[in-house]
Amino acid sequence: MFGKRHVLSMREFSRDEIDSVLDLAESLEPYARGGRCEALSGKILALLFFEPSTRTRLSFETAMMRLGGKTLSLGPAEGSAIAKGESLADTIRVIGAYADALVIRHPKEGSARLASQFSPVPVLNAGDGAGHHPTQTLLDLYTIRKESSLEDLRIALVGDLKYGRTVHSLAYALALYGADITLVSPPTLEMPASIKADLAGKGTMVREAHHLDSVIRDVDVLYVTRIQRERFPDPYEYSKVAKSYRIGPESLDGVRDGLIIMHPLPRVDEIAPEVDETRHALYFKQSFYGVPVRMALLKMLMEESR
């Protein structure tokens, strides 16, 4: 269905396309839980991670192996020709000839789109600086659909909304489902004005708040993100907002019975470990759902490639 398209931003997906990914992911979930199919036998997925990653990298590796394919990894940049001054464009040209698709994570916004201009095979954006993280959004939507509902959804996006690529991508996708979105952040970390304008242009109901207590009892989903030290140009500015929000068991008094708490991980101090044992905590299950969702994407993009 997807042919050889690139997966760079949720802005390039329609609701029908998203639903088709989620439907296929559901059919592949039994394989993600320990089965194996050979849909991508003989195919190779290249992983180019220029930033640290645990869940995204390993879930892509797992997804590819569950589909019967193999992966190759660039490894640390200092151990490759990049350390000798090779451009990203040349690296992509070379590795694109070795594999059937590329997954790239890079600290610079727009890097995945640049890679797509030089790659002979599909490029999947696994995070480009403070830009976008579309495969995370797809697994987030899958989690909500499985554990709650995407219909008439009331959701709060909490934390670093300025630099948080996960919430940027998620906000665009939620607009396609008519979600009621509340943005909760420190004043200095509000969602970029351009994204808010885009959402308003789509008729999306968006509210803003700076205090979590004012919204937590009114939503179906609480999507929490960490304050990202690595995105701050000034350590002092980071220190002023680092512990803006912390969700503990006491924070959940009076919330809706069906409230689910999500987090793209890693967490630092924003969710207390005691919350893990409550019925509301979904972030570890959410992390697992990255496997069937990425299996679905890889199957769609690679099954007919080459």
Protein backbone atom coordinates (compact mmCIF):
# COMPACT_ATOMS: atom_id res chain seq x y z
CA MET A 1 0.00 0.00 0.00
CA PHE A 2 2.73 2.45 0.90
CA GLY A 3 5.14 1.53 -1.89
CA LYS A 4 8.53 3.12 -1.39
CA ARG A 5 7.36 6.24 0.46
CA HIS A 6 9.35 7.79 3.29
CA VAL A 7 8.02 8.17 6.84
CA LEU A 8 9.19 11.62 7.87
CA SER A 9 6.32 13.45 9.57
CA MET A 10 2.76 12.79 10.70
CA ARG A 11 1.73 15.80 8.65
CA GLU A 12 2.08 13.59 5.58
CA PHE A 13 -0.37 10.91 6.81
CA SER A 14 -4.12 10.81 6.31
CA ARG A 15 -6.41 9.30 8.91
CA ASP A 16 -7.14 6.36 6.59
CA GLU A 17 -3.43 5.68 6.21
CA ILE A 18 -2.91 5.77 9.97
CA ASP A 19 -5.82 3.41 10.50
CA SER A 20 -4.37 0.99 7.95
CA VAL A 21 -1.07 0.90 9.88
CA LEU A 22 -2.86 0.34 13.18
CA ASP A 23 -5.07 -2.39 11.70
CA LEU A 24 -2.05 -4.25 10.32
CA ALA A 25 -0.21 -3.82 13.63
CA GLU A 26 -3.08 -5.49 15.43
CA SER A 27 -2.95 -8.47 13.09
CA LEU A 28 0.83 -8.73 13.62
CA GLU A 29 0.76 -8.37 17.40
CA PRO A 30 0.73 -12.15 18.01
CA TYR A 31 4.03 -12.38 16.10
CA ALA A 32 5.42 -9.46 18.11
CA ARG A 33 4.70 -11.43 21.28
CA GLY A 34 6.94 -14.31 20.32
CA GLY A 35 5.88 -15.64 16.99
CA ARG A 36 7.76 -15.28 13.76
CA CYS A 37 6.79 -14.78 10.17
CA GLU A 38 8.92 -14.61 7.05
CA ALA A 39 7.32 -11.62 5.35
CA LEU A 40 10.66 -9.81 5.11
CA SER A 41 12.97 -12.80 4.77
CA GLY A 42 16.05 -11.72 2.83
CA LYS A 43 15.47 -8.01 3.54
CA ILE A 44 17.91 -5.78 5.42
CA LEU A 45 17.08 -2.75 7.58
CA ALA A 46 19.88 -0.24 8.27
CA LEU A 47 19.87 1.61 11.60
CA LEU A 48 21.60 5.00 11.69
CA PHE A 49 21.39 6.38 15.21
CA PHE A 50 23.37 9.57 15.83
CA GLU A 51 21.67 10.07 19.22
CA PRO A 52 21.23 7.61 22.10
CA SER A 53 18.22 5.31 21.91
CA THR A 54 16.95 2.24 23.72
CA ARG A 55 13.28 1.62 22.87
CA THR A 56 13.21 2.96 19.32
CA ARG A 57 16.38 1.22 18.16
CA LEU A 58 15.70 -2.11 19.86
CA SER A 59 12.03 -2.21 18.88
CA PHE A 60 12.99 -1.64 15.23
CA GLU A 61 15.55 -4.44 15.51
CA THR A 62 12.98 -6.72 17.15
CA ALA A 63 10.33 -5.84 14.57
CA MET A 64 12.65 -6.67 11.71
CA MET A 65 13.72 -9.99 13.23
CA ARG A 66 10.11 -10.98 14.01
CA LEU A 67 9.41 -10.46 10.30
CA GLY A 68 12.27 -12.74 9.31
CA GLY A 69 14.64 -9.99 8.16
CA LYS A 70 18.02 -8.75 9.34
CA THR A 71 19.47 -5.45 10.53
CA LEU A 72 22.78 -3.69 10.19
CA SER A 73 23.87 -0.79 12.36
CA LEU A 74 26.13 2.14 11.65
CA GLY A 75 27.32 2.18 15.26
CA PRO A 76 28.87 5.25 16.94
CA ALA A 77 29.67 8.06 14.52
CA GLU A 78 33.25 8.22 15.78
CA GLY A 79 33.76 4.67 14.50
CA SER A 80 32.59 5.46 10.97
CA ALA A 81 33.68 7.60 8.05
CA ILE A 82 31.62 10.44 9.52
CA ALA A 83 34.51 11.00 11.92
CA LYS A 84 36.65 11.65 8.84
CA GLY A 85 34.29 14.35 7.63
CA GLU A 86 31.95 12.38 5.37
CA SER A 87 28.68 14.23 4.79
CA LEU A 88 25.32 12.83 5.84
CA ALA A 89 24.27 12.81 2.19
CA ASP A 90 27.19 10.60 1.19
CA THR A 91 26.64 8.28 4.17
CA ILE A 92 23.01 7.84 3.12
CA ARG A 93 23.94 7.17 -0.52
CA VAL A 94 26.38 4.46 0.53
CA ILE A 95 24.27 2.69 3.17
CA GLY A 96 21.15 2.99 1.03
CA ALA A 97 22.85 0.66 -1.43
CA TYR A 98 23.37 -1.95 1.31
CA ALA A 99 19.84 -2.11 2.69
CA ASP A 100 16.15 -2.15 1.75
CA ALA A 101 15.18 0.67 4.15
CA LEU A 102 16.91 3.10 6.53
CA VAL A 103 15.95 4.23 10.03
CA ILE A 104 17.64 7.46 11.10
CA ARG A 105 17.79 9.37 14.37
CA HIS A 106 19.76 12.61 14.30
CA PRO A 107 20.09 15.64 16.58
CA LYS A 108 19.43 18.14 13.78
CA GLU A 109 15.88 18.98 12.81
CA GLY A 110 15.28 18.22 9.14
CA SER A 111 17.99 15.56 8.93
CA ALA A 112 15.56 12.76 8.03
CA ARG A 113 14.08 14.82 5.22
CA LEU A 114 17.58 15.54 3.95
CA ALA A 115 18.37 11.82 4.08
CA SER A 116 15.25 11.06 2.04
CA GLN A 117 16.54 13.25 -0.78
CA PHE A 118 19.61 11.05 -1.24
CA SER A 119 18.34 7.60 -0.26
CA PRO A 120 17.42 5.05 -2.93
CA VAL A 121 15.25 3.21 -0.35
CA PRO A 122 12.55 4.28 2.16
CA VAL A 123 13.70 6.43 5.09
CA LEU A 124 11.96 6.25 8.47
CA ASN A 125 12.46 9.21 10.79
CA ALA A 126 13.23 7.94 14.30
CA GLY A 127 13.56 11.47 15.67
CA ASP A 128 15.20 14.58 14.22
CA GLY A 129 16.17 16.97 16.99
CA ALA A 130 13.12 18.87 18.22
CA GLY A 131 11.29 18.12 14.97
CA HIS A 132 9.23 14.96 14.53
CA HIS A 133 9.01 11.34 15.65
CA PRO A 134 6.27 9.77 13.50
CA THR A 135 6.77 6.11 14.42
CA GLN A 136 6.45 7.02 18.11
CA THR A 137 3.17 8.74 17.32
CA LEU A 138 1.84 5.68 15.53
CA LEU A 139 2.56 3.47 18.54
CA ASP A 140 1.01 6.12 20.80
CA LEU A 141 -2.17 6.07 18.74
CA TYR A 142 -2.16 2.27 18.78
CA THR A 143 -1.88 2.35 22.58
CA ILE A 144 -4.80 4.75 22.92
CA ARG A 145 -6.93 2.72 20.51
CA LYS A 146 -6.17 -0.54 22.34
CA GLU A 147 -6.46 0.73 25.90
CA SER A 148 -8.96 3.58 25.65
CA SER A 149 -10.52 5.11 22.53
CA LEU A 150 -9.53 7.53 19.79
CA GLU A 151 -13.13 8.69 19.51
CA ASP A 152 -14.22 11.74 21.54
CA LEU A 153 -10.79 11.75 23.15
CA ARG A 154 -9.80 14.27 25.79
CA ILE A 155 -6.04 14.29 26.22
CA ALA A 156 -3.48 16.42 28.08
CA LEU A 157 0.06 16.72 26.69
CA VAL A 158 2.33 17.52 29.63
CA GLY A 159 5.93 18.69 30.03
CA ASP A 160 8.38 19.91 27.42
CA LEU A 161 6.11 20.94 24.58
CA LYS A 162 8.65 23.31 23.00
CA TYR A 163 11.43 20.83 22.25
CA GLY A 164 9.47 17.56 22.58
CA ARG A 165 9.29 15.98 19.13
CA THR A 166 6.95 13.23 20.38
CA VAL A 167 4.24 15.72 21.31
CA HIS A 168 4.74 17.73 18.10
CA SER A 169 4.02 14.65 16.00
CA LEU A 170 1.23 13.42 18.26
CA ALA A 171 -0.60 16.74 18.20
CA TYR A 172 -0.83 16.69 14.41
CA ALA A 173 -2.15 13.13 14.40
CA LEU A 174 -4.69 13.78 17.15
CA ALA A 175 -6.13 16.61 15.09
CA LEU A 176 -7.16 14.05 12.46
CA TYR A 177 -9.27 12.28 15.10
CA GLY A 178 -10.97 15.41 16.41
CA ALA A 179 -9.34 15.14 19.83
CA ASP A 180 -9.82 17.75 22.54
CA ILE A 181 -6.23 18.68 23.45
CA THR A 182 -4.97 20.47 26.57
CA LEU A 183 -1.35 21.63 26.54
CA VAL A 184 0.29 21.71 29.98
CA SER A 185 3.80 23.14 30.25
CA PRO A 186 5.91 25.78 31.98
CA PRO A 187 5.48 29.17 30.29
CA THR A 188 8.93 28.89 28.69
CA LEU A 189 8.22 25.45 27.20
CA GLU A 190 4.88 26.01 25.50
CA MET A 191 4.01 24.31 22.21
CA PRO A 192 5.48 26.29 19.28
CA ALA A 193 3.10 28.92 17.96
CA SER A 194 3.32 27.50 14.43
CA ILE A 195 1.99 24.12 15.59
CA LYS A 196 -0.81 25.71 17.60
CA ALA A 197 -1.77 27.75 14.55
CA ASP A 198 -1.81 24.62 12.40
CA LEU A 199 -4.05 22.84 14.90
CA ALA A 200 -6.43 25.79 15.11
CA GLY A 201 -6.57 25.86 11.32
CA LYS A 202 -7.77 22.25 11.39
CA GLY A 203 -10.54 23.16 13.84
CA THR A 204 -8.89 21.33 16.73
CA MET A 205 -9.97 22.33 20.22
CA VAL A 206 -6.77 23.33 22.05
CA ARG A 207 -6.48 24.71 25.57
CA GLU A 208 -3.36 25.73 27.46
CA ALA A 209 -2.55 25.46 31.16
CA HIS A 210 0.51 25.68 33.37
CA HIS A 211 -0.78 23.65 36.32
CA LEU A 212 -1.51 19.94 36.01
CA ASP A 213 -3.99 19.90 38.91
CA SER A 214 -6.37 22.06 36.90
CA VAL A 215 -6.79 19.47 34.13
CA ILE A 216 -5.87 15.97 35.33
CA ARG A 217 -9.41 15.09 36.48
CA ASP A 218 -10.98 16.06 33.16
CA VAL A 219 -9.04 13.94 30.66
CA ASP A 220 -9.02 10.38 29.36
CA VAL A 221 -5.30 10.30 28.58
CA LEU A 222 -2.39 11.97 30.33
CA TYR A 223 0.62 12.02 28.00
CA VAL A 224 3.67 12.98 30.05
CA THR A 225 7.10 13.93 28.71
CA ARG A 226 10.35 14.69 30.49
CA ILE A 227 12.01 18.08 30.45
CA GLN A 228 14.85 17.40 28.03
CA ARG A 229 18.19 18.62 29.36
CA GLU A 230 19.91 17.91 26.04
CA ARG A 231 17.71 20.36 24.12
CA PHE A 232 18.50 23.37 26.31
CA PRO A 233 21.23 25.73 25.10
CA ASP A 234 21.53 27.15 28.65
CA PRO A 235 21.93 24.79 31.66
CA TYR A 236 20.61 27.49 33.99
CA GLU A 237 17.38 27.74 32.05
CA TYR A 238 17.01 23.97 32.28
CA SER A 239 17.49 24.03 36.05
CA LYS A 240 14.61 26.49 36.44
CA VAL A 241 12.07 24.12 34.87
CA ALA A 242 13.61 20.67 35.43
CA LYS A 243 11.16 19.60 38.14
CA SER A 244 8.06 21.45 37.02
CA TYR A 245 5.78 18.41 37.23
CA ARG A 246 5.80 15.22 39.26
CA ILE A 247 2.93 12.75 39.23
CA GLY A 248 2.60 10.61 42.34
CA PRO A 249 -0.22 8.43 43.67
CA GLU A 250 -1.69 11.45 45.44
CA SER A 251 -2.00 13.22 42.06
CA LEU A 252 -4.51 10.60 40.95
CA ASP A 253 -7.18 11.32 43.56
CA GLY A 254 -10.45 11.98 41.79
CA VAL A 255 -9.28 11.17 38.27
CA ARG A 256 -11.48 9.27 35.84
CA ASP A 257 -11.56 5.52 36.38
CA GLY A 258 -10.42 4.90 32.83
CA LEU A 259 -7.59 7.44 32.83
CA ILE A 260 -4.45 6.11 31.19
CA ILE A 261 -1.02 7.62 31.76
CA MET A 262 1.42 7.43 28.87
CA HIS A 263 5.06 8.43 28.53
CA PRO A 264 7.44 7.94 25.56
CA LEU A 265 10.25 7.19 28.05
CA PRO A 266 12.85 7.54 29.40
CA ARG A 267 11.38 9.14 32.50
CA VAL A 268 13.42 10.98 35.10
CA ASP A 269 11.44 12.49 37.99
CA GLU A 270 8.13 13.30 36.32
CA ILE A 271 6.32 10.06 37.26
CA ALA A 272 6.94 8.45 40.66
CA PRO A 273 7.70 4.70 40.58
CA GLU A 274 4.69 4.14 42.89
CA VAL A 275 2.42 5.10 39.98
CA ASP A 276 3.68 2.06 38.05
CA GLU A 277 1.52 -0.23 40.15
CA THR A 278 -1.71 1.66 39.53
CA ARG A 279 -4.26 0.69 36.88
CA HIS A 280 -3.58 4.00 35.14
CA ALA A 281 0.08 3.34 34.20
CA LEU A 282 0.39 2.28 30.56
CA TYR A 283 3.89 3.44 29.60
CA PHE A 284 5.60 0.03 29.68
CA LYS A 285 2.82 -1.58 27.65
CA GLN A 286 3.03 1.45 25.36
CA SER A 287 6.72 0.74 24.85
CA PHE A 288 5.99 -2.85 23.80
CA TYR A 289 3.40 -1.70 21.29
CA GLY A 290 6.26 -0.15 19.35
CA VAL A 291 7.11 -3.64 18.07
CA PRO A 292 3.85 -4.53 16.24
CA VAL A 293 3.47 -0.96 14.96
CA ARG A 294 6.99 -0.88 13.54
CA MET A 295 6.46 -4.37 12.14
CA ALA A 296 3.44 -3.04 10.29
CA LEU A 297 5.33 -0.06 8.88
CA LEU A 298 8.31 -2.14 7.77
CA LYS A 299 6.07 -4.72 6.12
CA MET A 300 4.16 -2.02 4.25
CA LEU A 301 7.32 -0.25 3.09
CA MET A 302 9.63 -3.16 2.37
CA GLU A 303 7.57 -6.13 1.23
CA GLU A 304 7.48 -4.93 -2.37
CA SER A 305 10.78 -3.02 -2.41
CA ARG A 306 13.70 -3.77 -4.73
